[in-house]
Amino acid sequence: MIGTATGYDLKYPAQAEWGLRANNSCYSEDKYVCLFHLLENKYEENCLGSDQSSIGSRLVFQPLFNLAECNTDKYQPIVFTTYGNSDCIFLKSKCEEEGVVVYSNDSSGTDITCRRDYTEGYAFVSKPKNGCFCIPSEKDCTCFKVECTKLSPDYLCISDEKIITNVNCEEIHPQIRLLRNHEIDDRHKNKYHQMRPRLIVSSNEFNIE
């Protein structure tokens, strides 16, 4: 049996509803799948059986299983499985507080990383393990304004005349800050782009060319 959505736009079921939906549609939680269909531009459910993809990706219908990157606001640090999931599972953190800039946001397998804007006099309240950046989902990234004339990229007070040498953290340049704050939008102009073909194995075998 194959369950399909007709007459309305299907929203993938919440975890608490997954078992009920699966048993009603496919008579089995192992066979039930609900994924975004790229060609139809909506979520659809089916009974193809569970499958999984690599870290940093998810599965979509195109028209059968295929790999796709996570949406820009989510990431997938573990293997994605269609059993109980329709989308990447973790929401990306944001670097939006005062004195905070994006350090890196170029992976759908990890959370965003933030750093304090030393050019505006901000430093970490609690120094992160790395020293240069902080991962909001793992540690409190609170910052404060330092009362000194100038901060180095390593968040040390320096004089205007001092030449900075042996710096561990990279400098923040205005163009780099602008690029990193918008890099996801540029990288995901087509957020559902195909990553690579896959061989699908279910009750019948299909080969996506």
C-alpha atoms as a PDB file:
ATOM      1  CA  MET A   1       0.000   0.000   0.000  1.00  0.00           C
ATOM      2  CA  ILE A   2       1.246   3.483  -0.842  1.00  0.00           C
ATOM      3  CA  GLY A   3      -0.140   6.453   1.063  1.00  0.00           C
ATOM      4  CA  THR A   4      -0.361   9.731  -0.812  1.00  0.00           C
ATOM      5  CA  ALA A   5      -1.577  13.208   0.021  1.00  0.00           C
ATOM      6  CA  THR A   6      -4.493  14.501  -2.058  1.00  0.00           C
ATOM      7  CA  GLY A   7      -6.645  17.589  -1.788  1.00  0.00           C
ATOM      8  CA  TYR A   8      -4.346  19.493   0.595  1.00  0.00           C
ATOM      9  CA  ASP A   9      -0.702  20.318   1.199  1.00  0.00           C
ATOM     10  CA  LEU A  10       0.752  17.685   3.472  1.00  0.00           C
ATOM     11  CA  LYS A  11       2.843  18.775   6.454  1.00  0.00           C
ATOM     12  CA  TYR A  12       5.196  16.085   7.686  1.00  0.00           C
ATOM     13  CA  PRO A  13       3.970  14.517  10.949  1.00  0.00           C
ATOM     14  CA  ALA A  14       5.411  15.433  14.330  1.00  0.00           C
ATOM     15  CA  GLN A  15       7.322  12.750  16.218  1.00  0.00           C
ATOM     16  CA  ALA A  16       4.334  12.035  18.445  1.00  0.00           C
ATOM     17  CA  GLU A  17       2.150  11.425  15.384  1.00  0.00           C
ATOM     18  CA  TRP A  18       4.668   9.485  13.317  1.00  0.00           C
ATOM     19  CA  GLY A  19       3.694   5.976  14.426  1.00  0.00           C
ATOM     20  CA  LEU A  20      -0.026   6.594  13.948  1.00  0.00           C
ATOM     21  CA  ARG A  21       0.482   8.112  10.515  1.00  0.00           C
ATOM     22  CA  ALA A  22       2.818   5.289   9.464  1.00  0.00           C
ATOM     23  CA  ASN A  23       0.470   2.533  10.557  1.00  0.00           C
ATOM     24  CA  ASN A  24      -2.528   4.177   8.893  1.00  0.00           C
ATOM     25  CA  SER A  25      -0.689   4.761   5.606  1.00  0.00           C
ATOM     26  CA  CYS A  26       1.615   1.753   5.299  1.00  0.00           C
ATOM     27  CA  TYR A  27       0.610  -0.623   8.105  1.00  0.00           C
ATOM     28  CA  SER A  28       4.236  -0.422   9.191  1.00  0.00           C
ATOM     29  CA  GLU A  29       6.493   2.218  10.745  1.00  0.00           C
ATOM     30  CA  ASP A  30       9.513   0.689   8.957  1.00  0.00           C
ATOM     31  CA  LYS A  31       8.036   1.280   5.501  1.00  0.00           C
ATOM     32  CA  TYR A  32       6.560   4.753   6.001  1.00  0.00           C
ATOM     33  CA  VAL A  33       8.439   7.705   4.499  1.00  0.00           C
ATOM     34  CA  CYS A  34       7.449  11.380   4.368  1.00  0.00           C
ATOM     35  CA  LEU A  35       9.850  13.645   2.464  1.00  0.00           C
ATOM     36  CA  PHE A  36       9.893  16.835   0.434  1.00  0.00           C
ATOM     37  CA  HIS A  37       9.257  16.202  -3.260  1.00  0.00           C
ATOM     38  CA  LEU A  38      11.445  18.478  -5.366  1.00  0.00           C
ATOM     39  CA  LEU A  39       9.429  18.135  -8.554  1.00  0.00           C
ATOM     40  CA  GLU A  40       6.072  18.698  -6.837  1.00  0.00           C
ATOM     41  CA  ASN A  41       7.406  21.320  -4.381  1.00  0.00           C
ATOM     42  CA  LYS A  42       5.597  19.787  -1.402  1.00  0.00           C
ATOM     43  CA  TYR A  43       5.865  17.006   1.148  1.00  0.00           C
ATOM     44  CA  GLU A  44       4.658  13.578   0.113  1.00  0.00           C
ATOM     45  CA  GLU A  45       4.369  10.285   1.942  1.00  0.00           C
ATOM     46  CA  ASN A  46       5.112   6.851   0.576  1.00  0.00           C
ATOM     47  CA  CYS A  47       5.810   3.272   1.616  1.00  0.00           C
ATOM     48  CA  LEU A  48       9.205   2.753  -0.012  1.00  0.00           C
ATOM     49  CA  GLY A  49      10.852   1.703   3.245  1.00  0.00           C
ATOM     50  CA  SER A  50      13.422   3.520   5.354  1.00  0.00           C
ATOM     51  CA  ASP A  51      16.746   4.760   4.014  1.00  0.00           C
ATOM     52  CA  GLN A  52      19.538   7.017   5.219  1.00  0.00           C
ATOM     53  CA  SER A  53      21.997   9.620   3.959  1.00  0.00           C
ATOM     54  CA  SER A  54      25.361  11.019   5.019  1.00  0.00           C
ATOM     55  CA  ILE A  55      26.121  13.640   7.662  1.00  0.00           C
ATOM     56  CA  GLY A  56      25.248  17.157   6.481  1.00  0.00           C
ATOM     57  CA  SER A  57      22.507  16.010   4.130  1.00  0.00           C
ATOM     58  CA  ARG A  58      18.964  14.687   4.026  1.00  0.00           C
ATOM     59  CA  LEU A  59      16.822  12.712   1.607  1.00  0.00           C
ATOM     60  CA  VAL A  60      14.166  14.045  -0.748  1.00  0.00           C
ATOM     61  CA  PHE A  61      11.977  12.608  -3.488  1.00  0.00           C
ATOM     62  CA  GLN A  62      13.224  13.410  -7.018  1.00  0.00           C
ATOM     63  CA  PRO A  63      11.038  11.474  -7.857  1.00  0.00           C
ATOM     64  CA  LEU A  64      12.537   8.634  -5.787  1.00  0.00           C
ATOM     65  CA  PHE A  65      15.125   9.001  -2.996  1.00  0.00           C
ATOM     66  CA  ASN A  66      17.946  11.447  -3.645  1.00  0.00           C
ATOM     67  CA  LEU A  67      20.390  13.451  -1.535  1.00  0.00           C
ATOM     68  CA  ALA A  68      19.938  17.158  -0.814  1.00  0.00           C
ATOM     69  CA  GLU A  69      21.570  19.661   1.513  1.00  0.00           C
ATOM     70  CA  CYS A  70      19.796  20.835   4.643  1.00  0.00           C
ATOM     71  CA  ASN A  71      17.757  24.026   4.491  1.00  0.00           C
ATOM     72  CA  THR A  72      19.825  27.080   5.362  1.00  0.00           C
ATOM     73  CA  ASP A  73      18.451  27.298   8.902  1.00  0.00           C
ATOM     74  CA  LYS A  74      19.211  23.671   9.831  1.00  0.00           C
ATOM     75  CA  TYR A  75      22.137  21.253  10.092  1.00  0.00           C
ATOM     76  CA  GLN A  76      22.590  17.479  10.346  1.00  0.00           C
ATOM     77  CA  PRO A  77      25.602  16.403  12.476  1.00  0.00           C
ATOM     78  CA  ILE A  78      24.595  12.726  12.468  1.00  0.00           C
ATOM     79  CA  VAL A  79      23.475  10.303   9.760  1.00  0.00           C
ATOM     80  CA  PHE A  80      20.004  11.232   8.504  1.00  0.00           C
ATOM     81  CA  THR A  81      17.400   8.458   8.468  1.00  0.00           C
ATOM     82  CA  THR A  82      13.889   8.582   7.031  1.00  0.00           C
ATOM     83  CA  TYR A  83      12.619   6.592  10.014  1.00  0.00           C
ATOM     84  CA  GLY A  84      10.905   9.286  12.076  1.00  0.00           C
ATOM     85  CA  ASN A  85      12.439  12.193  10.140  1.00  0.00           C
ATOM     86  CA  SER A  86      11.469  14.338   7.161  1.00  0.00           C
ATOM     87  CA  ASP A  87      14.075  17.079   7.446  1.00  0.00           C
ATOM     88  CA  CYS A  88      17.448  17.852   9.020  1.00  0.00           C
ATOM     89  CA  ILE A  89      16.926  17.783  12.761  1.00  0.00           C
ATOM     90  CA  PHE A  90      18.871  20.679  14.341  1.00  0.00           C
ATOM     91  CA  LEU A  91      18.169  24.403  13.991  1.00  0.00           C
ATOM     92  CA  LYS A  92      21.190  26.587  13.261  1.00  0.00           C
ATOM     93  CA  SER A  93      22.117  29.060  15.977  1.00  0.00           C
ATOM     94  CA  LYS A  94      22.411  32.762  15.127  1.00  0.00           C
ATOM     95  CA  CYS A  95      25.147  35.313  15.659  1.00  0.00           C
ATOM     96  CA  GLU A  96      22.866  38.287  16.134  1.00  0.00           C
ATOM     97  CA  GLU A  97      23.673  39.697  19.581  1.00  0.00           C
ATOM     98  CA  GLU A  98      25.424  43.036  19.918  1.00  0.00           C
ATOM     99  CA  GLY A  99      29.163  42.655  19.400  1.00  0.00           C
ATOM    100  CA  VAL A 100      28.832  39.295  17.633  1.00  0.00           C
ATOM    101  CA  VAL A 101      29.858  38.433  14.057  1.00  0.00           C
ATOM    102  CA  VAL A 102      29.788  35.210  12.072  1.00  0.00           C
ATOM    103  CA  TYR A 103      33.032  33.239  12.120  1.00  0.00           C
ATOM    104  CA  SER A 104      31.974  30.314   9.933  1.00  0.00           C
ATOM    105  CA  ASN A 105      28.694  29.142   8.451  1.00  0.00           C
ATOM    106  CA  ASP A 106      29.780  27.024   5.517  1.00  0.00           C
ATOM    107  CA  SER A 107      28.678  23.540   6.561  1.00  0.00           C
ATOM    108  CA  SER A 108      25.279  21.846   6.778  1.00  0.00           C
ATOM    109  CA  GLY A 109      26.860  19.225   9.032  1.00  0.00           C
ATOM    110  CA  THR A 110      27.764  21.605  11.872  1.00  0.00           C
ATOM    111  CA  ASP A 111      26.286  24.559  13.702  1.00  0.00           C
ATOM    112  CA  ILE A 112      27.273  28.145  12.969  1.00  0.00           C
ATOM    113  CA  THR A 113      30.310  29.519  14.818  1.00  0.00           C
ATOM    114  CA  CYS A 114      30.488  33.079  16.149  1.00  0.00           C
ATOM    115  CA  ARG A 115      33.221  35.382  17.330  1.00  0.00           C
ATOM    116  CA  ARG A 116      33.325  38.672  19.190  1.00  0.00           C
ATOM    117  CA  ASP A 117      33.968  41.810  17.189  1.00  0.00           C
ATOM    118  CA  TYR A 118      37.262  42.987  18.660  1.00  0.00           C
ATOM    119  CA  THR A 119      37.296  45.914  16.209  1.00  0.00           C
ATOM    120  CA  GLU A 120      34.378  47.340  18.217  1.00  0.00           C
ATOM    121  CA  GLY A 121      35.938  46.459  21.574  1.00  0.00           C
ATOM    122  CA  TYR A 122      34.010  43.250  22.324  1.00  0.00           C
ATOM    123  CA  ALA A 123      35.519  40.154  23.943  1.00  0.00           C
ATOM    124  CA  PHE A 124      34.272  36.841  25.381  1.00  0.00           C
ATOM    125  CA  VAL A 125      32.983  36.800  28.950  1.00  0.00           C
ATOM    126  CA  SER A 126      34.146  33.204  29.179  1.00  0.00           C
ATOM    127  CA  LYS A 127      36.985  32.289  26.836  1.00  0.00           C
ATOM    128  CA  PRO A 128      35.933  29.434  24.526  1.00  0.00           C
ATOM    129  CA  LYS A 129      37.977  26.294  24.079  1.00  0.00           C
ATOM    130  CA  ASN A 130      39.217  27.391  20.667  1.00  0.00           C
ATOM    131  CA  GLY A 131      39.996  30.911  21.837  1.00  0.00           C
ATOM    132  CA  CYS A 132      38.957  32.579  18.575  1.00  0.00           C
ATOM    133  CA  PHE A 133      35.361  31.497  18.093  1.00  0.00           C
ATOM    134  CA  CYS A 134      32.426  30.015  19.957  1.00  0.00           C
ATOM    135  CA  ILE A 135      29.744  27.454  19.046  1.00  0.00           C
ATOM    136  CA  PRO A 136      26.453  28.753  20.512  1.00  0.00           C
ATOM    137  CA  SER A 137      24.853  25.307  20.757  1.00  0.00           C
ATOM    138  CA  GLU A 138      27.750  24.063  22.888  1.00  0.00           C
ATOM    139  CA  LYS A 139      28.763  27.030  25.022  1.00  0.00           C
ATOM    140  CA  ASP A 140      27.540  30.382  26.291  1.00  0.00           C
ATOM    141  CA  CYS A 141      28.931  32.936  23.841  1.00  0.00           C
ATOM    142  CA  THR A 142      28.126  36.046  25.874  1.00  0.00           C
ATOM    143  CA  CYS A 143      30.397  39.009  25.263  1.00  0.00           C
ATOM    144  CA  PHE A 144      31.180  42.315  26.961  1.00  0.00           C
ATOM    145  CA  LYS A 145      32.708  45.648  25.958  1.00  0.00           C
ATOM    146  CA  VAL A 146      36.322  45.927  27.082  1.00  0.00           C
ATOM    147  CA  GLU A 147      37.492  49.214  28.577  1.00  0.00           C
ATOM    148  CA  CYS A 148      40.700  49.723  26.657  1.00  0.00           C
ATOM    149  CA  THR A 149      41.776  51.794  23.688  1.00  0.00           C
ATOM    150  CA  LYS A 150      42.182  48.929  21.245  1.00  0.00           C
ATOM    151  CA  LEU A 151      41.810  45.138  21.126  1.00  0.00           C
ATOM    152  CA  SER A 152      43.961  42.731  19.144  1.00  0.00           C
ATOM    153  CA  PRO A 153      42.378  39.867  17.153  1.00  0.00           C
ATOM    154  CA  ASP A 154      43.292  37.692  20.163  1.00  0.00           C
ATOM    155  CA  TYR A 155      41.222  40.004  22.410  1.00  0.00           C
ATOM    156  CA  LEU A 156      44.201  41.549  24.203  1.00  0.00           C
ATOM    157  CA  CYS A 157      44.405  45.253  25.050  1.00  0.00           C
ATOM    158  CA  ILE A 158      47.034  47.010  22.932  1.00  0.00           C
ATOM    159  CA  SER A 159      48.092  50.582  22.235  1.00  0.00           C
ATOM    160  CA  ASP A 160      47.437  52.278  18.906  1.00  0.00           C
ATOM    161  CA  GLU A 161      51.154  52.357  18.155  1.00  0.00           C
ATOM    162  CA  LYS A 162      51.838  48.691  18.914  1.00  0.00           C
ATOM    163  CA  ILE A 163      52.542  46.432  15.968  1.00  0.00           C
ATOM    164  CA  ILE A 164      50.525  43.205  16.192  1.00  0.00           C
ATOM    165  CA  THR A 165      52.615  40.053  15.731  1.00  0.00           C
ATOM    166  CA  ASN A 166      52.139  36.323  16.396  1.00  0.00           C
ATOM    167  CA  VAL A 167      48.351  36.558  16.275  1.00  0.00           C
ATOM    168  CA  ASN A 168      46.406  33.308  16.649  1.00  0.00           C
ATOM    169  CA  CYS A 169      42.985  34.600  15.575  1.00  0.00           C
ATOM    170  CA  GLU A 170      42.493  36.013  12.106  1.00  0.00           C
ATOM    171  CA  GLU A 171      41.712  39.675  11.614  1.00  0.00           C
ATOM    172  CA  ILE A 172      38.187  40.860  10.914  1.00  0.00           C
ATOM    173  CA  HIS A 173      37.880  42.889   7.731  1.00  0.00           C
ATOM    174  CA  PRO A 174      34.613  44.645   6.784  1.00  0.00           C
ATOM    175  CA  GLN A 175      34.330  42.756   3.509  1.00  0.00           C
ATOM    176  CA  ILE A 176      34.887  39.421   5.247  1.00  0.00           C
ATOM    177  CA  ARG A 177      32.203  40.231   7.835  1.00  0.00           C
ATOM    178  CA  LEU A 178      29.726  41.111   5.083  1.00  0.00           C
ATOM    179  CA  LEU A 179      30.566  37.966   3.113  1.00  0.00           C
ATOM    180  CA  ARG A 180      30.195  35.635   6.056  1.00  0.00           C
ATOM    181  CA  ASN A 181      26.909  37.132   7.158  1.00  0.00           C
ATOM    182  CA  HIS A 182      25.481  36.388   3.710  1.00  0.00           C
ATOM    183  CA  GLU A 183      27.411  33.307   2.669  1.00  0.00           C
ATOM    184  CA  ILE A 184      24.552  30.896   3.262  1.00  0.00           C
ATOM    185  CA  ASP A 185      22.214  32.852   0.994  1.00  0.00           C
ATOM    186  CA  ASP A 186      24.850  32.836  -1.746  1.00  0.00           C
ATOM    187  CA  ARG A 187      25.637  29.166  -1.234  1.00  0.00           C
ATOM    188  CA  HIS A 188      21.975  28.174  -1.281  1.00  0.00           C
ATOM    189  CA  LYS A 189      20.530  30.026  -4.221  1.00  0.00           C
ATOM    190  CA  ASN A 190      19.176  26.588  -5.064  1.00  0.00           C
ATOM    191  CA  LYS A 191      18.835  25.021  -1.638  1.00  0.00           C
ATOM    192  CA  TYR A 192      17.417  21.789  -3.034  1.00  0.00           C
ATOM    193  CA  HIS A 193      20.205  21.173  -5.526  1.00  0.00           C
ATOM    194  CA  GLN A 194      21.100  17.601  -6.327  1.00  0.00           C
ATOM    195  CA  MET A 195      24.265  16.342  -4.636  1.00  0.00           C
ATOM    196  CA  ARG A 196      24.801  13.020  -6.358  1.00  0.00           C
ATOM    197  CA  PRO A 197      22.784  10.114  -7.829  1.00  0.00           C
ATOM    198  CA  ARG A 198      21.932   7.189  -5.577  1.00  0.00           C
ATOM    199  CA  LEU A 199      20.991   3.559  -6.004  1.00  0.00           C
ATOM    200  CA  ILE A 200      17.655   2.958  -4.313  1.00  0.00           C
ATOM    201  CA  VAL A 201      16.802  -0.443  -2.934  1.00  0.00           C
ATOM    202  CA  SER A 202      13.256  -1.233  -1.747  1.00  0.00           C
ATOM    203  CA  SER A 203      10.736  -3.892  -2.706  1.00  0.00           C
ATOM    204  CA  ASN A 204      11.775  -3.106  -6.293  1.00  0.00           C
ATOM    205  CA  GLU A 205      15.141  -1.798  -7.414  1.00  0.00           C
ATOM    206  CA  PHE A 206      15.375   1.581  -9.124  1.00  0.00           C
ATOM    207  CA  ASN A 207      18.392   3.264 -10.563  1.00  0.00           C
ATOM    208  CA  ILE A 208      18.393   7.087 -10.737  1.00  0.00           C
ATOM    209  CA  GLU A 209      20.527   8.166 -13.654  1.00  0.00           C
END
